[in-house]
């Protein structure tokens, strides 16, 4: 699935809303298992921080902005995303 546009909020331009770095308070981070990923795009659509990026043939996580909420792992129908403890 290829998304043609970046996320557009229903209330207009979000500006720098999604560009706030995480800092050092995140205690879990998502890991995407590429072989299990079905490319449905649900993680991309439901990530509240906009931290899931669509690359050529897979989805990746922008760990600089990921808050570690686990929404992507909870919504994934293929169970391709797991949350692991930060080192």
C-alpha atoms as a PDB file:
ATOM      1  CA  UNK A   1       0.000   0.000   0.000  1.00  0.00           C
ATOM      2  CA  UNK A   2       1.443   3.373  -0.985  1.00  0.00           C
ATOM      3  CA  UNK A   3       0.214   6.554   0.665  1.00  0.00           C
ATOM      4  CA  UNK A   4       0.357   9.527  -1.634  1.00  0.00           C
ATOM      5  CA  UNK A   5       0.108  12.320   0.924  1.00  0.00           C
ATOM      6  CA  UNK A   6       1.587  13.048   4.305  1.00  0.00           C
ATOM      7  CA  UNK A   7      -0.837  13.087   7.225  1.00  0.00           C
ATOM      8  CA  UNK A   8      -3.199  16.024   7.082  1.00  0.00           C
ATOM      9  CA  UNK A   9      -5.106  16.780  10.247  1.00  0.00           C
ATOM     10  CA  UNK A  10      -8.813  17.551   9.889  1.00  0.00           C
ATOM     11  CA  UNK A  11      -8.270  20.895  11.603  1.00  0.00           C
ATOM     12  CA  UNK A  12      -5.660  22.172   9.125  1.00  0.00           C
ATOM     13  CA  UNK A  13      -1.870  22.369   9.028  1.00  0.00           C
ATOM     14  CA  UNK A  14      -0.232  20.719  12.041  1.00  0.00           C
ATOM     15  CA  UNK A  15       3.066  22.545  11.507  1.00  0.00           C
ATOM     16  CA  UNK A  16       5.727  21.284  13.902  1.00  0.00           C
ATOM     17  CA  UNK A  17       3.338  19.258  16.068  1.00  0.00           C
ATOM     18  CA  UNK A  18       4.923  15.930  15.051  1.00  0.00           C
ATOM     19  CA  UNK A  19       8.533  17.121  15.134  1.00  0.00           C
ATOM     20  CA  UNK A  20       8.984  17.091  18.926  1.00  0.00           C
ATOM     21  CA  UNK A  21      11.870  14.736  19.787  1.00  0.00           C
ATOM     22  CA  UNK A  22      11.180  12.036  22.357  1.00  0.00           C
ATOM     23  CA  UNK A  23      13.946  12.785  24.797  1.00  0.00           C
ATOM     24  CA  UNK A  24      15.140  10.133  27.219  1.00  0.00           C
ATOM     25  CA  UNK A  25      11.838   9.261  28.906  1.00  0.00           C
ATOM     26  CA  UNK A  26      10.649   6.525  26.502  1.00  0.00           C
ATOM     27  CA  UNK A  27      10.964   3.109  28.180  1.00  0.00           C
ATOM     28  CA  UNK A  28       9.763   0.854  25.325  1.00  0.00           C
ATOM     29  CA  UNK A  29      10.288   1.021  21.586  1.00  0.00           C
ATOM     30  CA  UNK A  30       8.576  -0.756  18.689  1.00  0.00           C
ATOM     31  CA  UNK A  31      10.373  -3.250  16.472  1.00  0.00           C
ATOM     32  CA  UNK A  32       8.749  -4.211  13.167  1.00  0.00           C
ATOM     33  CA  UNK A  33       9.260  -7.791  12.015  1.00  0.00           C
ATOM     34  CA  UNK A  34       9.469  -7.267   8.248  1.00  0.00           C
ATOM     35  CA  UNK A  35       8.687 -10.890   7.348  1.00  0.00           C
ATOM     36  CA  UNK A  36       5.400 -10.838   9.266  1.00  0.00           C
ATOM     37  CA  UNK A  37       4.329  -7.373   8.043  1.00  0.00           C
ATOM     38  CA  UNK A  38       1.405  -7.520   5.606  1.00  0.00           C
ATOM     39  CA  UNK A  39       1.876  -3.888   4.459  1.00  0.00           C
ATOM     40  CA  UNK A  40      -1.662  -2.968   5.549  1.00  0.00           C
ATOM     41  CA  UNK A  41      -0.586   0.483   6.777  1.00  0.00           C
ATOM     42  CA  UNK A  42      -2.633   0.459   9.987  1.00  0.00           C
ATOM     43  CA  UNK A  43       0.426   1.324  12.080  1.00  0.00           C
ATOM     44  CA  UNK A  44       1.094   4.316   9.820  1.00  0.00           C
ATOM     45  CA  UNK A  45      -2.493   5.523  10.077  1.00  0.00           C
ATOM     46  CA  UNK A  46      -2.942   5.052  13.827  1.00  0.00           C
ATOM     47  CA  UNK A  47       0.429   6.249  15.160  1.00  0.00           C
ATOM     48  CA  UNK A  48      -0.495   9.313  17.253  1.00  0.00           C
ATOM     49  CA  UNK A  49       2.974  10.806  16.901  1.00  0.00           C
ATOM     50  CA  UNK A  50       3.395  10.240  13.168  1.00  0.00           C
ATOM     51  CA  UNK A  51       6.522   8.175  13.839  1.00  0.00           C
ATOM     52  CA  UNK A  52       5.853   5.384  11.352  1.00  0.00           C
ATOM     53  CA  UNK A  53       7.360   6.020   7.925  1.00  0.00           C
ATOM     54  CA  UNK A  54       6.680   4.188   4.698  1.00  0.00           C
ATOM     55  CA  UNK A  55       9.870   3.213   2.901  1.00  0.00           C
ATOM     56  CA  UNK A  56      10.041   1.469  -0.486  1.00  0.00           C
ATOM     57  CA  UNK A  57       8.680  -1.936   0.532  1.00  0.00           C
ATOM     58  CA  UNK A  58       8.332  -1.697   4.300  1.00  0.00           C
ATOM     59  CA  UNK A  59       7.346   0.480   7.218  1.00  0.00           C
ATOM     60  CA  UNK A  60       9.975   1.843   9.605  1.00  0.00           C
ATOM     61  CA  UNK A  61       9.865   3.616  12.955  1.00  0.00           C
ATOM     62  CA  UNK A  62      11.410   7.043  13.481  1.00  0.00           C
ATOM     63  CA  UNK A  63      12.850   6.392  16.943  1.00  0.00           C
ATOM     64  CA  UNK A  64      13.855  10.026  17.381  1.00  0.00           C
ATOM     65  CA  UNK A  65      10.166  10.981  17.565  1.00  0.00           C
ATOM     66  CA  UNK A  66       8.510   7.732  18.723  1.00  0.00           C
ATOM     67  CA  UNK A  67       6.952   8.116  22.178  1.00  0.00           C
ATOM     68  CA  UNK A  68       6.744   4.370  22.880  1.00  0.00           C
ATOM     69  CA  UNK A  69       2.981   4.327  23.423  1.00  0.00           C
ATOM     70  CA  UNK A  70       2.509   0.912  21.775  1.00  0.00           C
ATOM     71  CA  UNK A  71      -0.488   1.880  19.650  1.00  0.00           C
ATOM     72  CA  UNK A  72       1.185   0.507  16.528  1.00  0.00           C
ATOM     73  CA  UNK A  73       1.798  -2.875  18.185  1.00  0.00           C
ATOM     74  CA  UNK A  74      -1.737  -3.044  19.548  1.00  0.00           C
ATOM     75  CA  UNK A  75      -3.392  -2.219  16.203  1.00  0.00           C
ATOM     76  CA  UNK A  76      -1.221  -4.482  13.987  1.00  0.00           C
ATOM     77  CA  UNK A  77      -3.442  -7.318  12.651  1.00  0.00           C
ATOM     78  CA  UNK A  78      -0.403  -9.443  11.690  1.00  0.00           C
ATOM     79  CA  UNK A  79       1.301  -9.062  15.090  1.00  0.00           C
ATOM     80  CA  UNK A  80       4.374  -7.860  13.212  1.00  0.00           C
ATOM     81  CA  UNK A  81       5.239  -5.155  15.758  1.00  0.00           C
ATOM     82  CA  UNK A  82       6.559  -5.916  19.215  1.00  0.00           C
ATOM     83  CA  UNK A  83       7.454  -3.518  22.013  1.00  0.00           C
ATOM     84  CA  UNK A  84      10.862  -4.086  23.621  1.00  0.00           C
ATOM     85  CA  UNK A  85      12.460  -2.437  26.651  1.00  0.00           C
ATOM     86  CA  UNK A  86      14.811   0.449  25.935  1.00  0.00           C
ATOM     87  CA  UNK A  87      18.428  -0.354  26.639  1.00  0.00           C
END
